[in-house]
N, C-alpha and C. Protein backbone atom coordinates (compact mmCIF):
# COMPACT_ATOMS: atom_id res chain seq x y z
N MET A 1 91.49 97.09 91.49
CA MET A 1 92.71 96.31 91.43
C MET A 1 93.20 96.05 92.85
N THR A 2 93.58 94.83 93.09
CA THR A 2 94.17 94.45 94.37
C THR A 2 95.65 94.19 94.16
N THR A 3 96.48 94.73 95.03
CA THR A 3 97.91 94.42 94.97
C THR A 3 98.18 93.31 95.98
N CYS A 4 98.93 92.30 95.53
CA CYS A 4 99.23 91.14 96.35
C CYS A 4 100.73 90.92 96.44
N ILE A 5 101.18 90.57 97.64
CA ILE A 5 102.59 90.28 97.88
C ILE A 5 102.68 88.98 98.64
N GLY A 6 103.48 88.06 98.14
CA GLY A 6 103.86 86.87 98.89
C GLY A 6 105.26 87.09 99.42
N THR A 7 105.50 86.73 100.67
CA THR A 7 106.81 86.99 101.24
C THR A 7 107.27 85.84 102.13
N TYR A 8 108.57 85.67 102.16
CA TYR A 8 109.20 84.71 103.06
C TYR A 8 110.49 85.34 103.57
N ASN A 9 110.47 85.73 104.83
CA ASN A 9 111.66 86.27 105.52
C ASN A 9 112.36 87.38 104.74
N SER A 10 111.60 88.40 104.37
CA SER A 10 112.19 89.56 103.69
C SER A 10 111.65 90.86 104.29
N LEU A 11 111.55 90.89 105.60
CA LEU A 11 110.91 92.01 106.29
C LEU A 11 111.46 93.38 105.94
N PRO A 12 112.77 93.60 105.89
CA PRO A 12 113.26 94.95 105.58
C PRO A 12 112.74 95.44 104.22
N TYR A 13 112.69 94.55 103.25
CA TYR A 13 112.23 94.90 101.91
C TYR A 13 110.71 95.04 101.87
N LEU A 14 110.02 94.16 102.58
CA LEU A 14 108.56 94.22 102.62
C LEU A 14 108.08 95.56 103.16
N LYS A 15 108.73 96.06 104.18
CA LYS A 15 108.36 97.36 104.75
C LYS A 15 108.43 98.46 103.69
N ILE A 16 109.49 98.44 102.90
CA ILE A 16 109.67 99.44 101.84
C ILE A 16 108.61 99.26 100.76
N ALA A 17 108.35 98.01 100.36
CA ALA A 17 107.36 97.75 99.32
C ALA A 17 105.98 98.22 99.75
N VAL A 18 105.57 97.87 100.96
CA VAL A 18 104.24 98.25 101.44
C VAL A 18 104.13 99.77 101.54
N ASP A 19 105.15 100.39 102.07
CA ASP A 19 105.13 101.85 102.18
C ASP A 19 105.05 102.50 100.79
N SER A 20 105.77 101.95 99.82
CA SER A 20 105.74 102.53 98.47
C SER A 20 104.37 102.37 97.83
N ILE A 21 103.71 101.27 98.10
CA ILE A 21 102.36 101.07 97.55
C ILE A 21 101.41 102.13 98.10
N ARG A 22 101.38 102.26 99.41
CA ARG A 22 100.44 103.19 100.02
C ARG A 22 100.80 104.66 99.74
N LYS A 23 102.07 104.94 99.60
CA LYS A 23 102.49 106.31 99.33
C LYS A 23 102.25 106.70 97.88
N ASN A 24 102.38 105.77 96.97
CA ASN A 24 102.38 106.09 95.54
C ASN A 24 101.16 105.64 94.76
N GLU A 25 100.23 104.92 95.39
CA GLU A 25 99.04 104.50 94.66
C GLU A 25 98.14 105.69 94.38
N HIS A 26 97.48 105.64 93.23
CA HIS A 26 96.52 106.69 92.87
C HIS A 26 95.18 106.42 93.55
N PHE A 27 94.77 105.16 93.52
CA PHE A 27 93.52 104.74 94.14
C PHE A 27 93.83 104.02 95.45
N LYS A 28 92.99 104.18 96.43
CA LYS A 28 93.13 103.40 97.66
C LYS A 28 92.54 102.03 97.39
N SER A 29 93.38 101.06 97.21
CA SER A 29 92.95 99.73 96.79
C SER A 29 93.31 98.68 97.82
N PRO A 30 92.69 97.52 97.72
CA PRO A 30 93.04 96.43 98.64
C PRO A 30 94.51 96.01 98.49
N LEU A 31 95.08 95.62 99.61
CA LEU A 31 96.46 95.12 99.65
C LEU A 31 96.46 93.84 100.48
N ILE A 32 96.91 92.77 99.87
CA ILE A 32 96.97 91.48 100.55
C ILE A 32 98.42 91.05 100.62
N VAL A 33 98.86 90.65 101.82
CA VAL A 33 100.21 90.13 102.00
C VAL A 33 100.10 88.73 102.57
N PHE A 34 100.75 87.79 101.89
CA PHE A 34 100.81 86.40 102.36
C PHE A 34 102.19 86.15 102.94
N ALA A 35 102.23 85.88 104.24
CA ALA A 35 103.48 85.56 104.94
C ALA A 35 103.59 84.04 105.03
N ASP A 36 104.58 83.50 104.35
CA ASP A 36 104.73 82.06 104.18
C ASP A 36 105.75 81.49 105.17
N GLY A 37 105.31 81.27 106.39
CA GLY A 37 106.18 80.65 107.38
C GLY A 37 107.35 81.52 107.81
N CYS A 38 107.14 82.80 107.86
CA CYS A 38 108.22 83.74 108.19
C CYS A 38 108.67 83.60 109.64
N THR A 39 109.99 83.74 109.82
CA THR A 39 110.57 83.65 111.17
C THR A 39 111.43 84.87 111.48
N ASP A 40 111.30 85.93 110.66
CA ASP A 40 112.17 87.10 110.80
C ASP A 40 111.46 88.32 111.39
N GLY A 41 110.25 88.12 111.94
CA GLY A 41 109.49 89.24 112.48
C GLY A 41 108.41 89.75 111.55
N THR A 42 108.32 89.18 110.35
CA THR A 42 107.31 89.61 109.38
C THR A 42 105.91 89.45 109.93
N ASN A 43 105.62 88.31 110.53
CA ASN A 43 104.27 88.06 111.04
C ASN A 43 103.87 89.11 112.06
N GLU A 44 104.77 89.40 112.97
CA GLU A 44 104.49 90.38 114.01
C GLU A 44 104.32 91.78 113.41
N TRP A 45 105.16 92.13 112.44
CA TRP A 45 105.05 93.44 111.80
C TRP A 45 103.72 93.59 111.08
N LEU A 46 103.28 92.52 110.41
CA LEU A 46 101.99 92.57 109.72
C LEU A 46 100.85 92.79 110.69
N VAL A 47 100.86 92.08 111.79
CA VAL A 47 99.81 92.24 112.80
C VAL A 47 99.82 93.66 113.35
N GLU A 48 101.00 94.17 113.64
CA GLU A 48 101.13 95.52 114.23
C GLU A 48 100.77 96.62 113.24
N ASN A 49 100.93 96.38 111.95
CA ASN A 49 100.75 97.44 110.94
C ASN A 49 99.59 97.23 109.98
N LYS A 50 98.77 96.21 110.21
CA LYS A 50 97.69 95.93 109.25
C LYS A 50 96.69 97.08 109.18
N ASP A 51 96.40 97.73 110.29
CA ASP A 51 95.47 98.86 110.26
C ASP A 51 96.13 100.11 109.68
N ARG A 52 97.38 100.34 110.03
CA ARG A 52 98.10 101.51 109.53
C ARG A 52 98.15 101.52 108.00
N TYR A 53 98.40 100.36 107.42
CA TYR A 53 98.53 100.26 105.96
C TYR A 53 97.30 99.61 105.30
N ASN A 54 96.29 99.31 106.08
CA ASN A 54 95.08 98.65 105.57
C ASN A 54 95.46 97.40 104.77
N ILE A 55 96.11 96.48 105.45
CA ILE A 55 96.60 95.23 104.85
C ILE A 55 95.69 94.09 105.29
N THR A 56 95.33 93.26 104.33
CA THR A 56 94.77 91.95 104.67
C THR A 56 95.96 91.02 104.77
N ALA A 57 96.26 90.57 105.96
CA ALA A 57 97.42 89.70 106.19
C ALA A 57 96.98 88.26 106.29
N ILE A 58 97.63 87.41 105.51
CA ILE A 58 97.42 85.97 105.58
C ILE A 58 98.73 85.39 106.10
N ILE A 59 98.69 84.86 107.28
CA ILE A 59 99.91 84.34 107.93
C ILE A 59 99.72 82.84 108.12
N GLU A 60 100.61 82.08 107.50
CA GLU A 60 100.53 80.62 107.59
C GLU A 60 101.91 80.05 107.87
N PRO A 61 101.94 78.87 108.49
CA PRO A 61 103.24 78.18 108.63
C PRO A 61 103.70 77.69 107.26
N ARG A 62 104.99 77.56 107.10
CA ARG A 62 105.54 77.06 105.84
C ARG A 62 105.11 75.61 105.68
N CYS A 63 104.74 75.27 104.45
CA CYS A 63 104.29 73.90 104.19
C CYS A 63 105.07 73.31 103.02
N ASP A 64 104.83 72.06 102.75
CA ASP A 64 105.53 71.37 101.66
C ASP A 64 105.25 72.00 100.30
N ASP A 65 104.09 72.66 100.16
CA ASP A 65 103.70 73.27 98.89
C ASP A 65 104.21 74.69 98.73
N SER A 66 104.97 75.20 99.69
CA SER A 66 105.41 76.60 99.65
C SER A 66 106.24 76.88 98.40
N SER A 67 105.90 78.00 97.74
CA SER A 67 106.62 78.47 96.56
C SER A 67 106.05 79.84 96.22
N ASN A 68 106.68 80.53 95.28
CA ASN A 68 106.13 81.81 94.83
C ASN A 68 104.72 81.61 94.28
N GLY A 69 104.52 80.56 93.51
CA GLY A 69 103.21 80.29 92.94
C GLY A 69 102.17 80.01 94.00
N TYR A 70 102.55 79.29 95.02
CA TYR A 70 101.61 79.00 96.12
C TYR A 70 101.17 80.29 96.79
N GLY A 71 102.12 81.18 97.05
CA GLY A 71 101.79 82.46 97.68
C GLY A 71 100.87 83.30 96.81
N MET A 72 101.12 83.31 95.51
CA MET A 72 100.27 84.07 94.58
C MET A 72 98.86 83.48 94.57
N ASN A 73 98.77 82.17 94.51
CA ASN A 73 97.47 81.53 94.50
C ASN A 73 96.72 81.77 95.81
N ARG A 74 97.46 81.74 96.90
CA ARG A 74 96.83 81.96 98.21
C ARG A 74 96.27 83.37 98.31
N CYS A 75 97.00 84.35 97.82
CA CYS A 75 96.49 85.73 97.79
C CYS A 75 95.28 85.83 96.87
N ALA A 76 95.38 85.25 95.70
CA ALA A 76 94.31 85.35 94.71
C ALA A 76 92.98 84.81 95.23
N GLN A 77 93.04 83.85 96.13
CA GLN A 77 91.81 83.30 96.71
C GLN A 77 91.02 84.36 97.47
N GLU A 78 91.68 85.40 97.93
CA GLU A 78 91.04 86.45 98.74
C GLU A 78 90.62 87.67 97.93
N VAL A 79 91.01 87.74 96.67
CA VAL A 79 90.77 88.92 95.84
C VAL A 79 89.31 88.98 95.39
N THR A 80 88.74 90.19 95.48
CA THR A 80 87.36 90.41 95.03
C THR A 80 87.28 91.44 93.91
N THR A 81 88.41 92.01 93.51
CA THR A 81 88.43 93.01 92.44
C THR A 81 88.63 92.32 91.09
N GLU A 82 88.44 93.10 90.03
CA GLU A 82 88.56 92.54 88.69
C GLU A 82 90.02 92.20 88.33
N PHE A 83 90.96 93.01 88.80
CA PHE A 83 92.36 92.84 88.43
C PHE A 83 93.23 92.61 89.66
N ILE A 84 94.34 91.90 89.44
CA ILE A 84 95.33 91.64 90.49
C ILE A 84 96.67 92.13 90.01
N ASN A 85 97.38 92.84 90.87
CA ASN A 85 98.75 93.27 90.62
C ASN A 85 99.64 92.52 91.59
N PHE A 86 100.38 91.54 91.09
CA PHE A 86 101.30 90.79 91.94
C PHE A 86 102.66 91.48 91.95
N ILE A 87 103.20 91.71 93.13
CA ILE A 87 104.56 92.21 93.22
C ILE A 87 105.33 91.35 94.22
N HIS A 88 106.64 91.42 94.13
CA HIS A 88 107.49 90.73 95.09
C HIS A 88 107.79 91.67 96.25
N ALA A 89 108.14 91.11 97.36
CA ALA A 89 108.37 91.89 98.57
C ALA A 89 109.56 92.83 98.45
N ASP A 90 110.41 92.63 97.46
CA ASP A 90 111.57 93.51 97.31
C ASP A 90 111.40 94.51 96.17
N MET A 91 110.16 94.75 95.77
CA MET A 91 109.89 95.72 94.71
C MET A 91 109.44 97.05 95.31
N TYR A 92 109.64 98.10 94.53
CA TYR A 92 109.21 99.45 94.91
C TYR A 92 108.24 99.94 93.85
N CYS A 93 107.09 100.44 94.27
CA CYS A 93 106.08 100.94 93.34
C CYS A 93 106.22 102.45 93.21
N SER A 94 106.29 102.92 91.98
CA SER A 94 106.46 104.35 91.72
C SER A 94 105.11 105.08 91.73
N LYS A 95 105.17 106.39 91.65
CA LYS A 95 103.98 107.23 91.73
C LYS A 95 102.94 106.82 90.67
N ASP A 96 101.71 106.66 91.12
CA ASP A 96 100.57 106.33 90.26
C ASP A 96 100.76 105.03 89.48
N PHE A 97 101.49 104.08 90.06
CA PHE A 97 101.72 102.80 89.39
C PHE A 97 100.41 102.11 89.01
N ASP A 98 99.42 102.20 89.86
CA ASP A 98 98.14 101.54 89.60
C ASP A 98 97.37 102.22 88.47
N LEU A 99 97.46 103.51 88.40
CA LEU A 99 96.81 104.25 87.32
C LEU A 99 97.44 103.88 85.98
N GLY A 100 98.76 103.78 85.96
CA GLY A 100 99.46 103.37 84.74
C GLY A 100 99.08 101.97 84.31
N LEU A 101 98.94 101.06 85.26
CA LEU A 101 98.53 99.69 84.92
C LEU A 101 97.12 99.67 84.35
N LEU A 102 96.22 100.41 84.95
CA LEU A 102 94.84 100.45 84.45
C LEU A 102 94.76 101.08 83.07
N HIS A 103 95.58 102.09 82.81
CA HIS A 103 95.62 102.69 81.46
C HIS A 103 96.12 101.67 80.45
N ALA A 104 97.11 100.90 80.81
CA ALA A 104 97.63 99.86 79.90
C ALA A 104 96.58 98.80 79.63
N ILE A 105 95.84 98.43 80.65
CA ILE A 105 94.76 97.44 80.47
C ILE A 105 93.70 97.98 79.52
N GLN A 106 93.34 99.24 79.68
CA GLN A 106 92.34 99.85 78.81
C GLN A 106 92.85 99.98 77.38
N GLN A 107 94.13 100.23 77.23
CA GLN A 107 94.71 100.39 75.89
C GLN A 107 94.77 99.06 75.15
N TYR A 108 94.96 97.99 75.88
CA TYR A 108 95.07 96.65 75.28
C TYR A 108 94.06 95.70 75.93
N PRO A 109 92.77 95.91 75.68
CA PRO A 109 91.76 95.13 76.38
C PRO A 109 91.75 93.64 76.07
N ASP A 110 92.31 93.24 74.95
CA ASP A 110 92.32 91.83 74.59
C ASP A 110 93.52 91.13 75.19
């Protein structure tokens, strides 16, 4: 499972979300963050912290097509795992969130 976050100028929240993912994930999984034309320091923070948090950072200027859906699609283009967990930059992931999601998928395979 790959966790993906699209963000636009929400750096304080993004820091908390990324930290919660890495602190609370059961499996060490890919993490992709799409920065959509950010001007609040997000781009710089991603570059500085991509190794610390093992983030695949996609940093692009804001375009006419920018939207939540565009960010999700942009992340999905980079995913190589079977499942994608999309979260918003202002979300917090609880302990073993990924394990719980995989159990739910197994329980309801259709």
